[in-house]
Amino acid sequence: MLSPLEQEVLDEYERLSENMKKLAVLLDELASAPATEILDGLRELERKTSLVFTLLKASVYSIVLQQ
């Protein structure tokens, strides 16, 4: 048989455990969803930057050849 204080402490631990489970689920959702969107955006930016760099190199090379 538990004293009222012991039962109260166990109830608090149970509430804490449930809150931690909810927090873990929310953090998992938060960590997975936006990361893919950010990575997709960064890939697109990388492609565009690479294209601009290639065009710049070609332009500089063309200018050097003309001189």
PDB file of N, CA and C in Angstrom:
ATOM      1  N   MET A   1       0.844  -1.180   0.000  1.00  0.00           N
ATOM      2  CA  MET A   1       0.000   0.000   0.000  1.00  0.00           C
ATOM      3  C   MET A   1       0.886   1.239   0.000  1.00  0.00           C
ATOM      4  N   LEU A   2       0.546   2.187  -0.844  1.00  0.00           N
ATOM      5  CA  LEU A   2       1.336   3.410  -0.980  1.00  0.00           C
ATOM      6  C   LEU A   2       0.728   4.521  -0.152  1.00  0.00           C
ATOM      7  N   SER A   3       1.604   5.361   0.339  1.00  0.00           N
ATOM      8  CA  SER A   3       1.117   6.540   1.058  1.00  0.00           C
ATOM      9  C   SER A   3       0.586   7.539   0.022  1.00  0.00           C
ATOM     10  N   PRO A   4      -0.232   8.491   0.444  1.00  0.00           N
ATOM     11  CA  PRO A   4      -0.745   9.496  -0.505  1.00  0.00           C
ATOM     12  C   PRO A   4       0.382  10.268  -1.213  1.00  0.00           C
ATOM     13  N   LEU A   5       1.440  10.548  -0.500  1.00  0.00           N
ATOM     14  CA  LEU A   5       2.562  11.267  -1.085  1.00  0.00           C
ATOM     15  C   LEU A   5       3.251  10.427  -2.158  1.00  0.00           C
ATOM     16  N   GLU A   6       3.454   9.142  -1.866  1.00  0.00           N
ATOM     17  CA  GLU A   6       4.070   8.246  -2.845  1.00  0.00           C
ATOM     18  C   GLU A   6       3.199   8.119  -4.099  1.00  0.00           C
ATOM     19  N   GLN A   7       1.886   8.005  -3.900  1.00  0.00           N
ATOM     20  CA  GLN A   7       0.961   7.905  -5.038  1.00  0.00           C
ATOM     21  C   GLN A   7       1.000   9.187  -5.877  1.00  0.00           C
ATOM     22  N   GLU A   8       1.070  10.308  -5.200  1.00  0.00           N
ATOM     23  CA  GLU A   8       1.142  11.600  -5.898  1.00  0.00           C
ATOM     24  C   GLU A   8       2.427  11.711  -6.723  1.00  0.00           C
ATOM     25  N   VAL A   9       3.534  11.255  -6.151  1.00  0.00           N
ATOM     26  CA  VAL A   9       4.815  11.277  -6.877  1.00  0.00           C
ATOM     27  C   VAL A   9       4.739  10.356  -8.091  1.00  0.00           C
ATOM     28  N   LEU A  10       4.170   9.168  -7.935  1.00  0.00           N
ATOM     29  CA  LEU A  10       4.021   8.244  -9.065  1.00  0.00           C
ATOM     30  C   LEU A  10       3.122   8.828 -10.156  1.00  0.00           C
ATOM     31  N   ASP A  11       2.052   9.508  -9.753  1.00  0.00           N
ATOM     32  CA  ASP A  11       1.167  10.147 -10.727  1.00  0.00           C
ATOM     33  C   ASP A  11       1.905  11.238 -11.501  1.00  0.00           C
ATOM     34  N   GLU A  12       2.711  12.002 -10.798  1.00  0.00           N
ATOM     35  CA  GLU A  12       3.501  13.048 -11.461  1.00  0.00           C
ATOM     36  C   GLU A  12       4.489  12.442 -12.452  1.00  0.00           C
ATOM     37  N   TYR A  13       5.131  11.350 -12.073  1.00  0.00           N
ATOM     38  CA  TYR A  13       6.054  10.671 -12.989  1.00  0.00           C
ATOM     39  C   TYR A  13       5.320  10.152 -14.218  1.00  0.00           C
ATOM     40  N   GLU A  14       4.104   9.664 -14.025  1.00  0.00           N
ATOM     41  CA  GLU A  14       3.314   9.181 -15.151  1.00  0.00           C
ATOM     42  C   GLU A  14       2.964  10.327 -16.099  1.00  0.00           C
ATOM     43  N   ARG A  15       2.568  11.479 -15.545  1.00  0.00           N
ATOM     44  CA  ARG A  15       2.272  12.643 -16.377  1.00  0.00           C
ATOM     45  C   ARG A  15       3.521  13.115 -17.114  1.00  0.00           C
ATOM     46  N   LEU A  16       4.635  13.114 -16.411  1.00  0.00           N
ATOM     47  CA  LEU A  16       5.902  13.503 -17.030  1.00  0.00           C
ATOM     48  C   LEU A  16       6.259  12.565 -18.170  1.00  0.00           C
ATOM     49  N   SER A  17       6.056  11.280 -17.963  1.00  0.00           N
ATOM     50  CA  SER A  17       6.341  10.298 -19.004  1.00  0.00           C
ATOM     51  C   SER A  17       5.476  10.531 -20.238  1.00  0.00           C
ATOM     52  N   GLU A  18       4.196  10.788 -20.041  1.00  0.00           N
ATOM     53  CA  GLU A  18       3.294  11.058 -21.173  1.00  0.00           C
ATOM     54  C   GLU A  18       3.713  12.331 -21.903  1.00  0.00           C
ATOM     55  N   ASN A  19       4.070  13.353 -21.165  1.00  0.00           N
ATOM     56  CA  ASN A  19       4.511  14.605 -21.791  1.00  0.00           C
ATOM     57  C   ASN A  19       5.804  14.408 -22.581  1.00  0.00           C
ATOM     58  N   MET A  20       6.699  13.593 -22.066  1.00  0.00           N
ATOM     59  CA  MET A  20       7.955  13.327 -22.775  1.00  0.00           C
ATOM     60  C   MET A  20       7.695  12.558 -24.066  1.00  0.00           C
ATOM     61  N   LYS A  21       6.737  11.622 -24.024  1.00  0.00           N
ATOM     62  CA  LYS A  21       6.376  10.877 -25.240  1.00  0.00           C
ATOM     63  C   LYS A  21       5.794  11.819 -26.292  1.00  0.00           C
ATOM     64  N   LYS A  22       4.901  12.727 -25.857  1.00  0.00           N
ATOM     65  CA  LYS A  22       4.325  13.703 -26.788  1.00  0.00           C
ATOM     66  C   LYS A  22       5.412  14.595 -27.372  1.00  0.00           C
ATOM     67  N   LEU A  23       6.330  15.026 -26.535  1.00  0.00           N
ATOM     68  CA  LEU A  23       7.430  15.867 -26.987  1.00  0.00           C
ATOM     69  C   LEU A  23       8.304  15.137 -27.999  1.00  0.00           C
ATOM     70  N   ALA A  24       8.571  13.874 -27.757  1.00  0.00           N
ATOM     71  CA  ALA A  24       9.394  13.089 -28.676  1.00  0.00           C
ATOM     72  C   ALA A  24       8.718  12.964 -30.040  1.00  0.00           C
ATOM     73  N   VAL A  25       7.413  12.751 -30.049  1.00  0.00           N
ATOM     74  CA  VAL A  25       6.680  12.649 -31.317  1.00  0.00           C
ATOM     75  C   VAL A  25       6.731  13.982 -32.066  1.00  0.00           C
ATOM     76  N   LEU A  26       6.482  15.068 -31.356  1.00  0.00           N
ATOM     77  CA  LEU A  26       6.509  16.392 -31.992  1.00  0.00           C
ATOM     78  C   LEU A  26       7.898  16.729 -32.532  1.00  0.00           C
ATOM     79  N   LEU A  27       8.926  16.415 -31.775  1.00  0.00           N
ATOM     80  CA  LEU A  27      10.286  16.687 -32.240  1.00  0.00           C
ATOM     81  C   LEU A  27      10.646  15.848 -33.454  1.00  0.00           C
ATOM     82  N   ASP A  28      10.166  14.621 -33.475  1.00  0.00           N
ATOM     83  CA  ASP A  28      10.411  13.755 -34.625  1.00  0.00           C
ATOM     84  C   ASP A  28       9.751  14.322 -35.873  1.00  0.00           C
ATOM     85  N   GLU A  29       8.504  14.772 -35.748  1.00  0.00           N
ATOM     86  CA  GLU A  29       7.802  15.383 -36.884  1.00  0.00           C
ATOM     87  C   GLU A  29       8.512  16.656 -37.335  1.00  0.00           C
ATOM     88  N   LEU A  30       8.906  17.469 -36.384  1.00  0.00           N
ATOM     89  CA  LEU A  30       9.571  18.726 -36.695  1.00  0.00           C
ATOM     90  C   LEU A  30      10.917  18.489 -37.363  1.00  0.00           C
ATOM     91  N   ALA A  31      11.612  17.473 -36.932  1.00  0.00           N
ATOM     92  CA  ALA A  31      12.945  17.205 -37.480  1.00  0.00           C
ATOM     93  C   ALA A  31      12.882  16.616 -38.882  1.00  0.00           C
ATOM     94  N   SER A  32      11.836  15.875 -39.209  1.00  0.00           N
ATOM     95  CA  SER A  32      11.806  15.209 -40.506  1.00  0.00           C
ATOM     96  C   SER A  32      11.185  16.057 -41.613  1.00  0.00           C
ATOM     97  N   ALA A  33      10.098  16.729 -41.361  1.00  0.00           N
ATOM     98  CA  ALA A  33       9.379  17.424 -42.429  1.00  0.00           C
ATOM     99  C   ALA A  33      10.124  18.635 -42.988  1.00  0.00           C
ATOM    100  N   PRO A  34      10.477  19.616 -42.183  1.00  0.00           N
ATOM    101  CA  PRO A  34      11.119  20.797 -42.762  1.00  0.00           C
ATOM    102  C   PRO A  34      12.492  20.500 -43.348  1.00  0.00           C
ATOM    103  N   ALA A  35      13.170  19.508 -42.817  1.00  0.00           N
ATOM    104  CA  ALA A  35      14.517  19.210 -43.305  1.00  0.00           C
ATOM    105  C   ALA A  35      14.488  18.838 -44.782  1.00  0.00           C
ATOM    106  N   THR A  36      13.498  18.064 -45.194  1.00  0.00           N
ATOM    107  CA  THR A  36      13.427  17.677 -46.599  1.00  0.00           C
ATOM    108  C   THR A  36      13.131  18.886 -47.479  1.00  0.00           C
ATOM    109  N   GLU A  37      12.266  19.781 -46.998  1.00  0.00           N
ATOM    110  CA  GLU A  37      11.964  20.990 -47.758  1.00  0.00           C
ATOM    111  C   GLU A  37      13.208  21.866 -47.888  1.00  0.00           C
ATOM    112  N   ILE A  38      13.948  21.998 -46.806  1.00  0.00           N
ATOM    113  CA  ILE A  38      15.172  22.806 -46.829  1.00  0.00           C
ATOM    114  C   ILE A  38      16.193  22.190 -47.766  1.00  0.00           C
ATOM    115  N   LEU A  39      16.353  20.873 -47.705  1.00  0.00           N
ATOM    116  CA  LEU A  39      17.313  20.207 -48.583  1.00  0.00           C
ATOM    117  C   LEU A  39      16.930  20.346 -50.051  1.00  0.00           C
ATOM    118  N   ASP A  40      15.642  20.239 -50.354  1.00  0.00           N
ATOM    119  CA  ASP A  40      15.203  20.426 -51.735  1.00  0.00           C
ATOM    120  C   ASP A  40      15.510  21.838 -52.214  1.00  0.00           C
ATOM    121  N   GLY A  41      15.268  22.812 -51.363  1.00  0.00           N
ATOM    122  CA  GLY A  41      15.577  24.200 -51.712  1.00  0.00           C
ATOM    123  C   GLY A  41      17.062  24.411 -51.921  1.00  0.00           C
ATOM    124  N   LEU A  42      17.869  23.796 -51.069  1.00  0.00           N
ATOM    125  CA  LEU A  42      19.325  23.936 -51.204  1.00  0.00           C
ATOM    126  C   LEU A  42      19.836  23.255 -52.473  1.00  0.00           C
ATOM    127  N   ARG A  43      19.243  22.128 -52.844  1.00  0.00           N
ATOM    128  CA  ARG A  43      19.643  21.450 -54.085  1.00  0.00           C
ATOM    129  C   ARG A  43      19.353  22.332 -55.290  1.00  0.00           C
ATOM    130  N   GLU A  44      18.177  22.939 -55.292  1.00  0.00           N
ATOM    131  CA  GLU A  44      17.806  23.840 -56.391  1.00  0.00           C
ATOM    132  C   GLU A  44      18.765  25.032 -56.445  1.00  0.00           C
ATOM    133  N   LEU A  45      19.078  25.583 -55.304  1.00  0.00           N
ATOM    134  CA  LEU A  45      20.024  26.707 -55.242  1.00  0.00           C
ATOM    135  C   LEU A  45      21.403  26.274 -55.728  1.00  0.00           C
ATOM    136  N   GLU A  46      21.821  25.070 -55.366  1.00  0.00           N
ATOM    137  CA  GLU A  46      23.118  24.560 -55.810  1.00  0.00           C
ATOM    138  C   GLU A  46      23.156  24.418 -57.331  1.00  0.00           C
ATOM    139  N   ARG A  47      22.066  23.912 -57.916  1.00  0.00           N
ATOM    140  CA  ARG A  47      22.009  23.782 -59.386  1.00  0.00           C
ATOM    141  C   ARG A  47      22.114  25.137 -60.058  1.00  0.00           C
ATOM    142  N   LYS A  48      21.375  26.117 -59.560  1.00  0.00           N
ATOM    143  CA  LYS A  48      21.396  27.449 -60.161  1.00  0.00           C
ATOM    144  C   LYS A  48      22.769  28.093 -59.999  1.00  0.00           C
ATOM    145  N   THR A  49      23.373  27.945 -58.826  1.00  0.00           N
ATOM    146  CA  THR A  49      24.699  28.507 -58.589  1.00  0.00           C
ATOM    147  C   THR A  49      25.724  27.858 -59.499  1.00  0.00           C
ATOM    148  N   SER A  50      25.622  26.558 -59.671  1.00  0.00           N
ATOM    149  CA  SER A  50      26.540  25.841 -60.547  1.00  0.00           C
ATOM    150  C   SER A  50      26.402  26.319 -61.982  1.00  0.00           C
ATOM    151  N   LEU A  51      25.174  26.541 -62.429  1.00  0.00           N
ATOM    152  CA  LEU A  51      24.938  27.028 -63.786  1.00  0.00           C
ATOM    153  C   LEU A  51      25.539  28.418 -63.975  1.00  0.00           C
ATOM    154  N   VAL A  52      25.317  29.306 -63.017  1.00  0.00           N
ATOM    155  CA  VAL A  52      25.873  30.657 -63.094  1.00  0.00           C
ATOM    156  C   VAL A  52      27.394  30.596 -63.106  1.00  0.00           C
ATOM    157  N   PHE A  53      27.984  29.761 -62.282  1.00  0.00           N
ATOM    158  CA  PHE A  53      29.439  29.642 -62.232  1.00  0.00           C
ATOM    159  C   PHE A  53      29.989  29.141 -63.567  1.00  0.00           C
ATOM    160  N   THR A  54      29.305  28.158 -64.154  1.00  0.00           N
ATOM    161  CA  THR A  54      29.740  27.616 -65.448  1.00  0.00           C
ATOM    162  C   THR A  54      29.662  28.689 -66.528  1.00  0.00           C
ATOM    163  N   LEU A  55      28.569  29.445 -66.546  1.00  0.00           N
ATOM    164  CA  LEU A  55      28.437  30.517 -67.534  1.00  0.00           C
ATOM    165  C   LEU A  55      29.494  31.600 -67.319  1.00  0.00           C
ATOM    166  N   LEU A  56      29.787  31.916 -66.081  1.00  0.00           N
ATOM    167  CA  LEU A  56      30.817  32.919 -65.789  1.00  0.00           C
ATOM    168  C   LEU A  56      32.180  32.437 -66.257  1.00  0.00           C
ATOM    169  N   LYS A  57      32.497  31.179 -65.988  1.00  0.00           N
ATOM    170  CA  LYS A  57      33.783  30.621 -66.445  1.00  0.00           C
ATOM    171  C   LYS A  57      33.886  30.668 -67.964  1.00  0.00           C
ATOM    172  N   ALA A  58      32.787  30.305 -68.648  1.00  0.00           N
ATOM    173  CA  ALA A  58      32.787  30.319 -70.113  1.00  0.00           C
ATOM    174  C   ALA A  58      32.981  31.728 -70.634  1.00  0.00           C
ATOM    175  N   SER A  59      32.345  32.702 -69.979  1.00  0.00           N
ATOM    176  CA  SER A  59      32.498  34.092 -70.409  1.00  0.00           C
ATOM    177  C   SER A  59      33.927  34.571 -70.215  1.00  0.00           C
ATOM    178  N   VAL A  60      34.510  34.288 -69.089  1.00  0.00           N
ATOM    179  CA  VAL A  60      35.890  34.699 -68.809  1.00  0.00           C
ATOM    180  C   VAL A  60      36.830  34.008 -69.796  1.00  0.00           C
ATOM    181  N   TYR A  61      36.621  32.746 -70.047  1.00  0.00           N
ATOM    182  CA  TYR A  61      37.462  31.999 -70.985  1.00  0.00           C
ATOM    183  C   TYR A  61      37.347  32.599 -72.384  1.00  0.00           C
ATOM    184  N   SER A  62      36.120  32.966 -72.774  1.00  0.00           N
ATOM    185  CA  SER A  62      35.904  33.572 -74.094  1.00  0.00           C
ATOM    186  C   SER A  62      36.628  34.908 -74.194  1.00  0.00           C
ATOM    187  N   ILE A  63      36.559  35.716 -73.133  1.00  0.00           N
ATOM    188  CA  ILE A  63      37.248  37.018 -73.142  1.00  0.00           C
ATOM    189  C   ILE A  63      38.754  36.823 -73.235  1.00  0.00           C
ATOM    190  N   VAL A  64      39.282  35.855 -72.505  1.00  0.00           N
ATOM    191  CA  VAL A  64      40.722  35.590 -72.523  1.00  0.00           C
ATOM    192  C   VAL A  64      41.135  35.142 -73.920  1.00  0.00           C
ATOM    193  N   LEU A  65      40.357  34.317 -74.576  1.00  0.00           N
ATOM    194  CA  LEU A  65      40.702  33.837 -75.917  1.00  0.00           C
ATOM    195  C   LEU A  65      40.658  34.981 -76.940  1.00  0.00           C
ATOM    196  N   GLN A  66      39.725  35.912 -76.760  1.00  0.00           N
ATOM    197  CA  GLN A  66      39.615  37.038 -77.700  1.00  0.00           C
ATOM    198  C   GLN A  66      40.802  37.978 -77.611  1.00  0.00           C
ATOM    199  N   GLN A  67      41.404  38.059 -76.451  1.00  0.00           N
ATOM    200  CA  GLN A  67      42.550  38.963 -76.277  1.00  0.00           C
ATOM    201  C   GLN A  67      43.765  38.258 -76.724  1.00  0.00           C
TER     202      GLN A  67
END
